[in-house]
Amino acid sequence: MYGGGINAYFKYRIDAAFFLFRHNKIRYIIVSGDNREKNYNEPKMMKKELIKKGIPSHFIYEDFYGISTLHSIARAHKIFHQKKFTIISQKFHNERAIFIGNCLGLDVIGFNAKNLTFDSKIQFREVFARIKALWDILCFLY
């Protein structure tokens, strides 16, 4: 987070990824996210936290161009050659991500990381994110 501290959504996603890896439910991890600003690099932060938890770096692949959920999912297929994969996020985000993956013809499932109690800001943002996802899919596919 800006000004220090770890975002709880981030922490719970990292914890979930570690849980799945430790229990042999996933073999590799693609950390995908934004790094458009010099001092903000989501994939690097995710990889660093996963390594701190004990996951060897050679099991973690960084995608520095996952600037949106659509980009991250499309790149998992086109760049990392994955047609079947697990998306690790909170339920509200997994619902949108799975919809996008299915629209792209991919076999994706979601693993729901721990969520925060009701967050009106996130709920409000998600309404517009879902509308944008539908628009993006229509533009992307046609």
Protein backbone atom coordinates (compact mmCIF):
# COMPACT_ATOMS: atom_id res chain seq x y z
CA MET A 1 0.00 0.00 0.00
CA TYR A 2 1.08 3.57 -0.50
CA GLY A 3 2.72 4.81 2.66
CA GLY A 4 3.62 1.30 3.85
CA GLY A 5 1.70 -1.64 5.14
CA ILE A 6 0.37 -4.67 3.31
CA ASN A 7 -3.02 -4.72 1.65
CA ALA A 8 -5.14 -7.41 3.30
CA TYR A 9 -6.46 -8.65 -0.07
CA PHE A 10 -2.84 -9.06 -1.21
CA LYS A 11 -1.86 -10.89 1.99
CA TYR A 12 -4.78 -13.31 1.77
CA ARG A 13 -4.04 -14.08 -1.89
CA ILE A 14 -0.40 -14.80 -1.08
CA ASP A 15 -1.48 -17.02 1.82
CA ALA A 16 -3.88 -18.90 -0.47
CA ALA A 17 -1.21 -19.42 -3.17
CA PHE A 18 1.21 -20.73 -0.57
CA PHE A 19 -1.46 -23.08 0.83
CA LEU A 20 -2.19 -24.55 -2.61
CA PHE A 21 1.50 -24.91 -3.47
CA ARG A 22 2.37 -26.48 -0.12
CA HIS A 23 -0.44 -29.02 -0.52
CA ASN A 24 0.60 -29.90 -4.09
CA LYS A 25 -2.58 -28.52 -5.66
CA ILE A 26 -0.57 -26.24 -7.98
CA ARG A 27 2.92 -26.75 -9.39
CA TYR A 28 3.80 -23.30 -10.67
CA ILE A 29 2.62 -19.79 -9.97
CA ILE A 30 2.26 -16.91 -12.41
CA VAL A 31 2.23 -13.61 -10.55
CA SER A 32 0.58 -11.07 -12.80
CA GLY A 33 -0.05 -7.41 -12.18
CA ASP A 34 0.67 -3.79 -12.71
CA ASN A 35 4.13 -2.25 -12.73
CA ARG A 36 3.53 0.96 -14.68
CA GLU A 37 4.97 3.19 -11.97
CA LYS A 38 8.64 3.16 -11.00
CA ASN A 39 7.99 2.46 -7.32
CA TYR A 40 5.04 0.08 -7.75
CA ASN A 41 5.61 -3.42 -9.08
CA GLU A 42 2.90 -5.95 -8.18
CA PRO A 43 4.53 -9.07 -9.70
CA LYS A 44 7.85 -8.38 -8.00
CA MET A 45 6.11 -7.79 -4.63
CA MET A 46 4.09 -11.00 -5.00
CA LYS A 47 7.14 -13.07 -5.91
CA LYS A 48 9.10 -11.61 -3.00
CA GLU A 49 6.35 -12.53 -0.51
CA LEU A 50 5.96 -16.05 -1.92
CA ILE A 51 9.71 -16.63 -1.66
CA LYS A 52 9.62 -15.36 1.95
CA LYS A 53 6.99 -18.04 2.66
CA GLY A 54 9.32 -20.72 1.29
CA ILE A 55 8.33 -21.20 -2.36
CA PRO A 56 11.48 -21.58 -4.50
CA SER A 57 11.80 -18.80 -7.08
CA HIS A 58 12.04 -21.23 -10.02
CA PHE A 59 8.37 -22.15 -9.45
CA ILE A 60 7.24 -18.52 -9.78
CA TYR A 61 6.86 -16.76 -13.13
CA GLU A 62 6.39 -13.00 -13.36
CA ASP A 63 4.02 -11.33 -15.79
CA PHE A 64 4.74 -7.60 -15.76
CA TYR A 65 2.03 -6.75 -18.30
CA GLY A 66 -1.05 -7.93 -16.42
CA ILE A 67 -2.52 -4.46 -16.26
CA SER A 68 -6.07 -5.81 -16.03
CA THR A 69 -7.78 -9.10 -15.30
CA LEU A 70 -8.40 -9.60 -19.02
CA HIS A 71 -4.73 -9.02 -19.83
CA SER A 72 -3.55 -11.37 -17.08
CA ILE A 73 -5.81 -14.20 -18.21
CA ALA A 74 -5.13 -13.74 -21.92
CA ARG A 75 -1.38 -13.63 -21.25
CA ALA A 76 -1.51 -16.79 -19.12
CA HIS A 77 -2.72 -18.50 -22.27
CA LYS A 78 -0.77 -16.69 -25.00
CA ILE A 79 2.58 -16.11 -23.25
CA PHE A 80 2.71 -18.90 -20.68
CA HIS A 81 0.79 -21.44 -22.83
CA GLN A 82 -1.74 -22.33 -20.14
CA LYS A 83 -5.22 -23.42 -21.18
CA LYS A 84 -6.19 -24.85 -17.80
CA PHE A 85 -5.29 -23.01 -14.60
CA THR A 86 -6.43 -21.83 -11.19
CA ILE A 87 -7.02 -18.18 -10.42
CA ILE A 88 -6.30 -17.26 -6.81
CA SER A 89 -8.21 -14.24 -5.60
CA GLN A 90 -11.21 -13.24 -3.54
CA LYS A 91 -14.64 -14.56 -4.54
CA PHE A 92 -15.85 -11.29 -6.06
CA HIS A 93 -12.80 -11.13 -8.33
CA ASN A 94 -12.76 -14.85 -9.16
CA GLU A 95 -16.34 -14.65 -10.43
CA ARG A 96 -15.31 -11.98 -12.96
CA ALA A 97 -12.01 -13.68 -13.82
CA ILE A 98 -13.65 -17.06 -14.47
CA PHE A 99 -16.24 -15.38 -16.69
CA ILE A 100 -13.43 -13.79 -18.71
CA GLY A 101 -11.51 -17.08 -18.92
CA ASN A 102 -14.58 -18.97 -20.07
CA CYS A 103 -15.28 -16.34 -22.73
CA LEU A 104 -11.72 -16.85 -24.00
CA GLY A 105 -12.32 -20.61 -24.23
CA LEU A 106 -10.05 -21.47 -21.29
CA ASP A 107 -10.61 -24.05 -18.58
CA VAL A 108 -10.17 -21.94 -15.46
CA ILE A 109 -11.26 -22.42 -11.88
CA GLY A 110 -11.01 -20.09 -8.93
CA PHE A 111 -9.65 -20.61 -5.46
CA ASN A 112 -11.22 -18.10 -3.13
CA ALA A 113 -8.75 -16.47 -0.79
CA LYS A 114 -10.01 -15.19 2.54
CA ASN A 115 -12.13 -12.10 2.10
CA LEU A 116 -12.57 -9.04 4.25
CA THR A 117 -15.88 -8.33 5.87
CA PHE A 118 -18.22 -6.23 3.76
CA ASP A 119 -16.27 -3.49 1.98
CA SER A 120 -18.63 -1.03 0.29
CA LYS A 121 -15.81 0.57 -1.71
CA ILE A 122 -14.87 -2.78 -3.25
CA GLN A 123 -18.51 -3.71 -3.87
CA PHE A 124 -19.09 -0.40 -5.65
CA ARG A 125 -15.89 -0.77 -7.71
CA GLU A 126 -16.81 -4.33 -8.68
CA VAL A 127 -20.09 -3.23 -10.30
CA PHE A 128 -18.15 -1.09 -12.76
CA ALA A 129 -15.39 -3.68 -13.13
CA ARG A 130 -17.97 -6.24 -14.28
CA ILE A 131 -19.47 -3.84 -16.79
CA LYS A 132 -15.97 -3.09 -18.08
CA ALA A 133 -15.18 -6.83 -18.28
CA LEU A 134 -18.23 -7.39 -20.44
CA TRP A 135 -17.26 -4.48 -22.69
CA ASP A 136 -13.62 -5.67 -22.88
CA ILE A 137 -14.70 -9.19 -23.85
CA LEU A 138 -16.98 -7.87 -26.58
CA CYS A 139 -14.18 -5.70 -27.96
CA PHE A 140 -11.52 -8.40 -27.50
CA LEU A 141 -13.45 -11.16 -29.24
CA TYR A 142 -14.92 -9.13 -32.10
